[in-house]
């Protein structure tokens, strides 16, 4: 067998339809495009958002627009409130991000932790976290606890 003997299998290749070559070919004159209208013209239908007078698809979608962007250096904190600390830790316990994670109080342990001032504090705790709100700081110190901020 030589290269010039190779032929494709019978029926695997089909000649393309030659449209617009006379009435006897069956696809003459309008070449299967119908008469008039956008689809009958050459070069039509290339505009991605054009929908022939309908409201374009991308304007029908209910997205919020004009809301700006999310800053790249925005920090998401794990928020823990004083009432959660009071029920999870005993007096003089050391509260660190690791201890809070063990107590299942953190949403995402990779993020820094902030203590917020909701609830009351009646036990003194040694707290080491990344940030503490002013009201939480006042309540913790009033209860006899101490605060150390992690860099």
N, C-alpha and C. Protein backbone atom coordinates (compact mmCIF):
# COMPACT_ATOMS: atom_id res chain seq x y z
N UNK A 1 0.85 -1.19 0.00
CA UNK A 1 0.00 0.00 0.00
C UNK A 1 0.89 1.24 0.00
N UNK A 2 0.59 2.20 -0.84
CA UNK A 2 1.33 3.45 -0.95
C UNK A 2 0.44 4.60 -0.50
N UNK A 3 1.05 5.78 -0.28
CA UNK A 3 0.29 6.94 0.15
C UNK A 3 -0.81 7.31 -0.85
N UNK A 4 -0.55 7.14 -2.14
CA UNK A 4 -1.57 7.52 -3.13
C UNK A 4 -2.71 6.51 -3.21
N UNK A 5 -2.58 5.38 -2.53
CA UNK A 5 -3.68 4.40 -2.50
C UNK A 5 -4.67 4.68 -1.37
N UNK A 6 -4.26 5.56 -0.41
CA UNK A 6 -5.13 5.81 0.75
C UNK A 6 -6.34 6.65 0.36
N UNK A 7 -7.51 6.19 0.72
CA UNK A 7 -8.74 6.94 0.49
C UNK A 7 -9.62 6.83 1.73
N UNK A 8 -10.42 7.85 2.02
CA UNK A 8 -11.31 7.74 3.18
C UNK A 8 -12.40 6.70 2.94
N UNK A 9 -13.00 6.21 4.01
CA UNK A 9 -14.08 5.23 3.88
C UNK A 9 -15.24 5.81 3.10
N UNK A 10 -15.95 4.95 2.41
CA UNK A 10 -17.11 5.41 1.63
C UNK A 10 -18.17 5.99 2.55
N UNK A 11 -18.67 7.19 2.22
CA UNK A 11 -19.72 7.83 3.01
C UNK A 11 -19.20 8.66 4.16
N UNK A 12 -17.89 8.62 4.44
CA UNK A 12 -17.39 9.40 5.57
C UNK A 12 -17.16 10.86 5.21
N UNK A 13 -16.98 11.15 3.93
CA UNK A 13 -16.78 12.52 3.48
C UNK A 13 -17.94 12.92 2.59
N UNK A 14 -18.42 14.14 2.77
CA UNK A 14 -19.58 14.57 2.01
C UNK A 14 -19.26 15.94 1.40
N UNK A 15 -19.61 16.15 0.16
CA UNK A 15 -19.35 17.44 -0.47
C UNK A 15 -20.22 18.52 0.16
N UNK A 16 -19.64 19.73 0.30
CA UNK A 16 -20.41 20.81 0.88
C UNK A 16 -21.49 21.26 -0.09
N UNK A 17 -22.57 21.81 0.44
CA UNK A 17 -23.67 22.27 -0.39
C UNK A 17 -23.31 23.61 -1.02
N UNK A 18 -23.38 23.72 -2.33
CA UNK A 18 -23.07 24.97 -3.02
C UNK A 18 -24.37 25.72 -3.24
N UNK A 19 -24.61 26.72 -2.39
CA UNK A 19 -25.88 27.44 -2.46
C UNK A 19 -25.77 28.65 -3.37
N UNK A 20 -26.91 29.08 -3.90
CA UNK A 20 -26.94 30.28 -4.73
C UNK A 20 -26.35 30.07 -6.11
N UNK A 21 -26.47 28.86 -6.68
CA UNK A 21 -25.89 28.57 -7.99
C UNK A 21 -26.96 28.17 -9.01
N UNK A 22 -28.13 28.76 -8.90
CA UNK A 22 -29.16 28.48 -9.91
C UNK A 22 -30.30 27.65 -9.37
N UNK A 23 -31.46 27.74 -10.06
CA UNK A 23 -32.67 27.10 -9.55
C UNK A 23 -32.62 25.58 -9.61
N UNK A 24 -31.87 25.02 -10.51
CA UNK A 24 -31.86 23.56 -10.63
C UNK A 24 -31.14 22.91 -9.45
N UNK A 25 -30.27 23.65 -8.79
CA UNK A 25 -29.53 23.07 -7.66
C UNK A 25 -30.41 22.92 -6.42
N UNK A 26 -31.58 23.59 -6.40
CA UNK A 26 -32.49 23.48 -5.27
C UNK A 26 -32.23 24.52 -4.18
N UNK A 27 -31.08 25.18 -4.21
CA UNK A 27 -30.77 26.22 -3.21
C UNK A 27 -30.37 27.50 -3.93
N UNK A 28 -31.04 27.81 -5.04
CA UNK A 28 -30.67 28.98 -5.83
C UNK A 28 -31.35 30.23 -5.31
N UNK A 29 -31.17 31.33 -6.00
CA UNK A 29 -31.76 32.64 -5.71
C UNK A 29 -31.49 33.09 -4.28
N UNK A 30 -32.35 32.77 -3.32
CA UNK A 30 -32.14 33.28 -1.96
C UNK A 30 -31.22 32.37 -1.16
N UNK A 31 -30.82 31.25 -1.71
CA UNK A 31 -29.83 30.35 -1.11
C UNK A 31 -30.24 29.87 0.28
N UNK A 32 -31.53 29.61 0.49
CA UNK A 32 -31.99 29.05 1.75
C UNK A 32 -32.09 30.05 2.87
N UNK A 33 -31.92 31.36 2.54
CA UNK A 33 -31.98 32.38 3.59
C UNK A 33 -33.35 33.02 3.72
N UNK A 34 -34.29 32.66 2.89
CA UNK A 34 -35.60 33.31 2.91
C UNK A 34 -35.53 34.65 2.22
N UNK A 35 -36.64 35.39 2.26
CA UNK A 35 -36.64 36.70 1.63
C UNK A 35 -36.71 37.79 2.68
N UNK A 36 -35.90 38.80 2.55
CA UNK A 36 -35.85 39.96 3.43
C UNK A 36 -35.53 39.60 4.88
N UNK A 37 -35.39 40.60 5.70
CA UNK A 37 -35.09 40.37 7.11
C UNK A 37 -33.59 40.31 7.37
N UNK A 38 -33.24 40.38 8.64
CA UNK A 38 -31.83 40.49 9.02
C UNK A 38 -31.02 39.28 8.57
N UNK A 39 -31.59 38.09 8.70
CA UNK A 39 -30.84 36.89 8.37
C UNK A 39 -30.58 36.71 6.89
N UNK A 40 -31.28 37.47 6.04
CA UNK A 40 -31.08 37.32 4.61
C UNK A 40 -29.91 38.15 4.10
N UNK A 41 -29.47 39.12 4.89
CA UNK A 41 -28.40 40.02 4.43
C UNK A 41 -27.03 39.44 4.79
N UNK A 42 -26.06 39.81 3.98
CA UNK A 42 -24.70 39.36 4.30
C UNK A 42 -24.12 40.28 5.37
N UNK A 43 -23.30 39.71 6.25
CA UNK A 43 -22.65 40.51 7.28
C UNK A 43 -23.54 40.87 8.44
N UNK A 44 -24.74 40.32 8.52
CA UNK A 44 -25.65 40.70 9.62
C UNK A 44 -25.50 39.74 10.79
N UNK A 45 -26.02 40.16 11.92
CA UNK A 45 -26.06 39.28 13.09
C UNK A 45 -24.74 39.19 13.84
N UNK A 46 -23.82 40.13 13.62
CA UNK A 46 -22.53 40.04 14.29
C UNK A 46 -22.47 40.81 15.59
N UNK A 47 -23.46 41.64 15.85
CA UNK A 47 -23.42 42.45 17.07
C UNK A 47 -23.90 41.60 18.24
N UNK A 48 -23.05 41.47 19.25
CA UNK A 48 -23.31 40.48 20.30
C UNK A 48 -24.54 40.83 21.14
N UNK A 49 -24.83 42.12 21.37
CA UNK A 49 -25.94 42.49 22.24
C UNK A 49 -27.22 42.83 21.46
N UNK A 50 -27.17 42.79 20.14
CA UNK A 50 -28.34 43.18 19.35
C UNK A 50 -29.39 42.09 19.40
N UNK A 51 -30.63 42.49 19.68
CA UNK A 51 -31.70 41.50 19.73
C UNK A 51 -32.93 41.99 18.99
N UNK A 52 -32.72 42.77 17.96
CA UNK A 52 -33.81 43.14 17.06
C UNK A 52 -34.91 43.93 17.73
N UNK A 53 -34.57 44.85 18.63
CA UNK A 53 -35.59 45.68 19.25
C UNK A 53 -36.01 45.21 20.62
N UNK A 54 -35.71 43.94 20.97
CA UNK A 54 -35.99 43.49 22.34
C UNK A 54 -35.02 44.15 23.31
N UNK A 55 -35.40 44.15 24.60
CA UNK A 55 -34.47 44.63 25.61
C UNK A 55 -33.30 43.65 25.67
N UNK A 56 -32.06 44.12 25.49
CA UNK A 56 -30.93 43.19 25.43
C UNK A 56 -30.81 42.34 26.69
N UNK A 57 -30.31 41.14 26.50
CA UNK A 57 -30.22 40.15 27.57
C UNK A 57 -29.49 40.70 28.79
N UNK A 58 -28.35 41.35 28.58
CA UNK A 58 -27.55 41.81 29.72
C UNK A 58 -28.24 42.92 30.48
N UNK A 59 -29.22 43.62 29.85
CA UNK A 59 -29.96 44.64 30.59
C UNK A 59 -31.18 44.05 31.29
N UNK A 60 -31.53 42.82 30.95
CA UNK A 60 -32.65 42.15 31.63
C UNK A 60 -32.20 41.50 32.94
N UNK A 61 -30.91 41.31 33.11
CA UNK A 61 -30.42 40.62 34.30
C UNK A 61 -30.47 41.54 35.51
N UNK A 62 -30.79 41.00 36.69
CA UNK A 62 -31.04 41.84 37.86
C UNK A 62 -29.80 42.17 38.68
N UNK A 63 -28.63 42.39 38.03
CA UNK A 63 -27.42 42.69 38.79
C UNK A 63 -27.47 44.10 39.35
N UNK A 64 -26.78 44.28 40.46
CA UNK A 64 -26.61 45.62 41.00
C UNK A 64 -25.46 46.27 40.25
N UNK A 65 -25.66 47.48 39.79
CA UNK A 65 -24.60 48.16 39.07
C UNK A 65 -24.19 49.43 39.81
N UNK A 66 -22.99 49.86 39.57
CA UNK A 66 -22.52 51.11 40.15
C UNK A 66 -22.24 51.01 41.63
N UNK A 67 -21.87 49.83 42.11
CA UNK A 67 -21.61 49.67 43.53
C UNK A 67 -20.12 49.73 43.85
N UNK A 68 -19.30 50.13 42.88
CA UNK A 68 -17.87 50.24 43.14
C UNK A 68 -17.19 48.88 43.07
N UNK A 69 -16.12 48.71 43.84
CA UNK A 69 -15.36 47.48 43.81
C UNK A 69 -14.94 47.11 45.23
N UNK A 70 -14.50 45.87 45.41
CA UNK A 70 -14.04 45.41 46.72
C UNK A 70 -12.55 45.70 46.82
N UNK A 71 -12.12 46.46 47.82
CA UNK A 71 -10.69 46.76 47.95
C UNK A 71 -9.87 45.50 48.13
N UNK A 72 -8.69 45.48 47.51
CA UNK A 72 -7.85 44.29 47.55
C UNK A 72 -7.32 44.03 48.95
N UNK A 73 -7.07 45.11 49.73
CA UNK A 73 -6.48 44.94 51.06
C UNK A 73 -7.52 44.97 52.18
N UNK A 74 -8.78 44.70 51.85
CA UNK A 74 -9.83 44.68 52.87
C UNK A 74 -9.65 43.47 53.79
N UNK A 75 -9.77 43.66 55.07
CA UNK A 75 -9.57 42.57 56.04
C UNK A 75 -10.92 42.13 56.60
N UNK A 76 -11.16 40.83 56.63
CA UNK A 76 -12.37 40.28 57.23
C UNK A 76 -12.00 39.70 58.60
N UNK A 77 -12.66 40.16 59.64
CA UNK A 77 -12.34 39.71 60.99
C UNK A 77 -13.29 38.61 61.44
N UNK A 78 -12.79 37.76 62.35
CA UNK A 78 -13.65 36.85 63.10
C UNK A 78 -14.20 37.66 64.27
N UNK A 79 -15.50 37.83 64.35
CA UNK A 79 -16.10 38.64 65.40
C UNK A 79 -16.57 37.75 66.55
N UNK A 80 -16.10 38.06 67.75
CA UNK A 80 -16.50 37.31 68.94
C UNK A 80 -17.00 38.31 69.96
N UNK A 81 -18.18 38.08 70.53
CA UNK A 81 -18.76 38.99 71.51
C UNK A 81 -18.48 38.53 72.93
N UNK A 82 -18.61 39.49 73.87
CA UNK A 82 -18.31 39.19 75.28
C UNK A 82 -19.22 38.11 75.85
N UNK A 83 -20.50 38.10 75.46
CA UNK A 83 -21.40 37.07 76.00
C UNK A 83 -20.97 35.66 75.56
N UNK A 84 -20.36 35.55 74.38
CA UNK A 84 -19.85 34.25 73.93
C UNK A 84 -18.64 33.84 74.77
N UNK A 85 -17.78 34.82 75.09
CA UNK A 85 -16.60 34.52 75.91
C UNK A 85 -17.01 34.10 77.32
N UNK A 86 -18.01 34.80 77.89
CA UNK A 86 -18.44 34.53 79.26
C UNK A 86 -18.97 33.11 79.41
N UNK A 87 -19.65 32.59 78.39
CA UNK A 87 -20.21 31.24 78.52
C UNK A 87 -19.23 30.15 78.10
N UNK A 88 -18.14 30.53 77.39
CA UNK A 88 -17.20 29.52 76.91
C UNK A 88 -15.94 29.37 77.76
N UNK A 89 -15.58 30.40 78.56
CA UNK A 89 -14.33 30.36 79.31
C UNK A 89 -14.57 30.60 80.80
N UNK A 90 -13.76 29.93 81.64
CA UNK A 90 -13.84 30.12 83.08
C UNK A 90 -12.94 31.29 83.49
N UNK A 91 -13.02 31.71 84.76
CA UNK A 91 -12.23 32.85 85.24
C UNK A 91 -10.74 32.58 85.10
N UNK A 92 -9.99 33.64 84.79
CA UNK A 92 -8.54 33.62 84.62
C UNK A 92 -8.06 32.72 83.48
N UNK A 93 -8.92 32.36 82.58
CA UNK A 93 -8.51 31.58 81.41
C UNK A 93 -7.82 32.50 80.40
N UNK A 94 -6.93 31.92 79.61
CA UNK A 94 -6.25 32.70 78.58
C UNK A 94 -7.01 32.53 77.25
N UNK A 95 -7.43 33.65 76.68
CA UNK A 95 -8.22 33.62 75.44
C UNK A 95 -7.31 34.04 74.29
N UNK A 96 -6.99 33.09 73.42
CA UNK A 96 -6.18 33.35 72.24
C UNK A 96 -6.96 32.88 71.01
N UNK A 97 -6.53 33.24 69.82
CA UNK A 97 -7.22 32.72 68.63
C UNK A 97 -7.28 31.19 68.60
N UNK A 98 -6.22 30.53 69.09
CA UNK A 98 -6.22 29.06 69.11
C UNK A 98 -7.28 28.53 70.08
N UNK A 99 -7.39 29.17 71.26
CA UNK A 99 -8.40 28.75 72.23
C UNK A 99 -9.81 29.01 71.70
N UNK A 100 -9.97 30.12 71.01
CA UNK A 100 -11.28 30.43 70.43
C UNK A 100 -11.65 29.43 69.34
N UNK A 101 -10.64 28.99 68.59
CA UNK A 101 -10.90 27.99 67.55
C UNK A 101 -11.32 26.66 68.17
N UNK A 102 -10.65 26.28 69.28
CA UNK A 102 -11.02 25.05 69.98
C UNK A 102 -12.45 25.11 70.50
N UNK A 103 -12.87 26.32 70.90
CA UNK A 103 -14.22 26.51 71.43
C UNK A 103 -15.24 26.70 70.30
N UNK A 104 -14.80 26.59 69.05
CA UNK A 104 -15.67 26.73 67.86
C UNK A 104 -16.35 28.10 67.80
N UNK A 105 -15.60 29.15 68.13
CA UNK A 105 -16.16 30.49 68.08
C UNK A 105 -15.68 31.28 66.86
N UNK A 106 -14.77 30.70 66.07
CA UNK A 106 -14.24 31.41 64.90
C UNK A 106 -14.88 30.88 63.62
N UNK A 107 -15.19 31.79 62.74
CA UNK A 107 -15.75 31.41 61.44
C UNK A 107 -14.65 30.88 60.53
N UNK A 108 -13.52 31.62 60.45
CA UNK A 108 -12.39 31.20 59.62
C UNK A 108 -11.10 31.47 60.40
N UNK A 109 -10.42 30.44 60.90
CA UNK A 109 -9.24 30.62 61.75
C UNK A 109 -8.10 31.38 61.07
N UNK A 110 -8.10 31.45 59.74
CA UNK A 110 -7.02 32.17 59.04
C UNK A 110 -7.15 33.67 59.18
N UNK A 111 -8.36 34.17 59.48
CA UNK A 111 -8.58 35.61 59.60
C UNK A 111 -8.27 36.10 61.01
N UNK A 112 -7.91 37.39 61.16
CA UNK A 112 -7.67 37.93 62.49
C UNK A 112 -8.96 38.00 63.31
N UNK A 113 -8.81 38.16 64.63
CA UNK A 113 -9.95 38.11 65.54
C UNK A 113 -10.18 39.46 66.21
N UNK A 114 -11.46 39.83 66.35
CA UNK A 114 -11.82 41.06 67.06
C UNK A 114 -12.84 40.70 68.14
N UNK A 115 -12.69 41.33 69.32
CA UNK A 115 -13.64 41.14 70.42
C UNK A 115 -14.58 42.34 70.42
N UNK A 116 -15.89 42.08 70.38
CA UNK A 116 -16.90 43.15 70.38
C UNK A 116 -17.63 43.17 71.71
N UNK A 117 -18.31 44.28 71.99
CA UNK A 117 -18.82 44.52 73.34
C UNK A 117 -20.24 44.10 73.65
N UNK A 118 -20.86 43.20 72.88
CA UNK A 118 -22.22 42.78 73.20
C UNK A 118 -22.21 41.87 74.42
N UNK A 119 -23.11 42.10 75.34
CA UNK A 119 -23.21 41.26 76.52
C UNK A 119 -22.42 41.82 77.70
N UNK A 120 -22.48 41.11 78.81
CA UNK A 120 -21.80 41.55 80.03
C UNK A 120 -20.65 40.62 80.36
N UNK A 121 -19.66 41.14 81.09
CA UNK A 121 -18.49 40.37 81.47
C UNK A 121 -18.39 40.38 82.99
N UNK A 122 -18.41 39.18 83.62
CA UNK A 122 -18.28 39.14 85.07
C UNK A 122 -17.14 38.26 85.54
N UNK A 123 -16.33 37.73 84.61
CA UNK A 123 -15.14 36.97 85.00
C UNK A 123 -13.93 37.62 84.35
N UNK A 124 -12.80 37.62 85.06
CA UNK A 124 -11.57 38.21 84.51
C UNK A 124 -10.89 37.23 83.58
N UNK A 125 -10.61 37.65 82.37
CA UNK A 125 -9.95 36.80 81.38
C UNK A 125 -8.68 37.48 80.88
N UNK A 126 -7.67 36.67 80.54
CA UNK A 126 -6.47 37.19 79.89
C UNK A 126 -6.67 37.03 78.38
N UNK A 127 -6.86 38.15 77.71
CA UNK A 127 -7.24 38.10 76.29
C UNK A 127 -6.08 38.55 75.42
N UNK A 128 -5.72 37.72 74.42
CA UNK A 128 -4.69 38.05 73.43
C UNK A 128 -5.31 37.88 72.05
N UNK A 129 -5.74 38.99 71.43
CA UNK A 129 -6.35 38.94 70.10
C UNK A 129 -5.81 40.11 69.27
N UNK A 130 -6.27 40.21 68.02
CA UNK A 130 -5.76 41.21 67.10
C UNK A 130 -6.38 42.59 67.30
N UNK A 131 -7.64 42.62 67.74
CA UNK A 131 -8.31 43.92 67.92
C UNK A 131 -9.41 43.77 68.96
N UNK A 132 -9.66 44.86 69.72
CA UNK A 132 -10.73 44.88 70.73
C UNK A 132 -11.45 46.21 70.58
N UNK A 133 -12.80 46.17 70.60
CA UNK A 133 -13.55 47.42 70.50
C UNK A 133 -13.45 48.17 71.84
N UNK A 134 -13.74 49.47 71.79
CA UNK A 134 -13.60 50.30 72.99
C UNK A 134 -14.55 49.87 74.10
N UNK A 135 -15.80 49.53 73.75
CA UNK A 135 -16.76 49.12 74.78
C UNK A 135 -16.37 47.78 75.39
N UNK A 136 -15.84 46.87 74.56
CA UNK A 136 -15.41 45.57 75.08
C UNK A 136 -14.21 45.74 76.00
N UNK A 137 -13.29 46.64 75.64
CA UNK A 137 -12.11 46.88 76.46
C UNK A 137 -12.49 47.40 77.85
N UNK A 138 -13.45 48.33 77.86
CA UNK A 138 -13.90 48.88 79.14
C UNK A 138 -14.53 47.80 80.01
N UNK A 139 -15.37 46.95 79.44
CA UNK A 139 -16.05 45.90 80.22
C UNK A 139 -15.07 44.85 80.73
N UNK A 140 -14.08 44.50 79.90
CA UNK A 140 -13.10 43.49 80.30
C UNK A 140 -12.26 44.00 81.46
N UNK A 141 -11.78 45.25 81.36
CA UNK A 141 -10.96 45.80 82.43
C UNK A 141 -11.75 46.03 83.71
N UNK A 142 -13.03 46.35 83.58
CA UNK A 142 -13.89 46.53 84.75
C UNK A 142 -14.09 45.20 85.48
N UNK A 143 -14.11 44.09 84.71
CA UNK A 143 -14.29 42.78 85.32
C UNK A 143 -12.99 42.21 85.86
N UNK A 144 -11.87 42.93 85.66
CA UNK A 144 -10.61 42.46 86.21
C UNK A 144 -9.77 41.66 85.23
N UNK A 145 -10.07 41.76 83.97
CA UNK A 145 -9.30 41.03 82.96
C UNK A 145 -8.21 41.90 82.36
N UNK A 146 -7.39 41.29 81.51
CA UNK A 146 -6.32 42.04 80.84
C UNK A 146 -6.40 41.79 79.34
N UNK A 147 -5.89 42.78 78.58
CA UNK A 147 -5.94 42.70 77.13
C UNK A 147 -4.53 42.89 76.58
N UNK A 148 -4.15 42.01 75.64
CA UNK A 148 -2.89 42.17 74.92
C UNK A 148 -3.20 42.03 73.44
N UNK A 149 -2.79 43.00 72.65
CA UNK A 149 -3.05 42.96 71.21
C UNK A 149 -1.91 42.25 70.49
N UNK A 150 -2.27 41.38 69.57
CA UNK A 150 -1.31 40.67 68.74
C UNK A 150 -1.05 41.55 67.51
N UNK A 151 0.23 41.68 67.14
CA UNK A 151 0.61 42.52 66.00
C UNK A 151 0.02 42.01 64.74
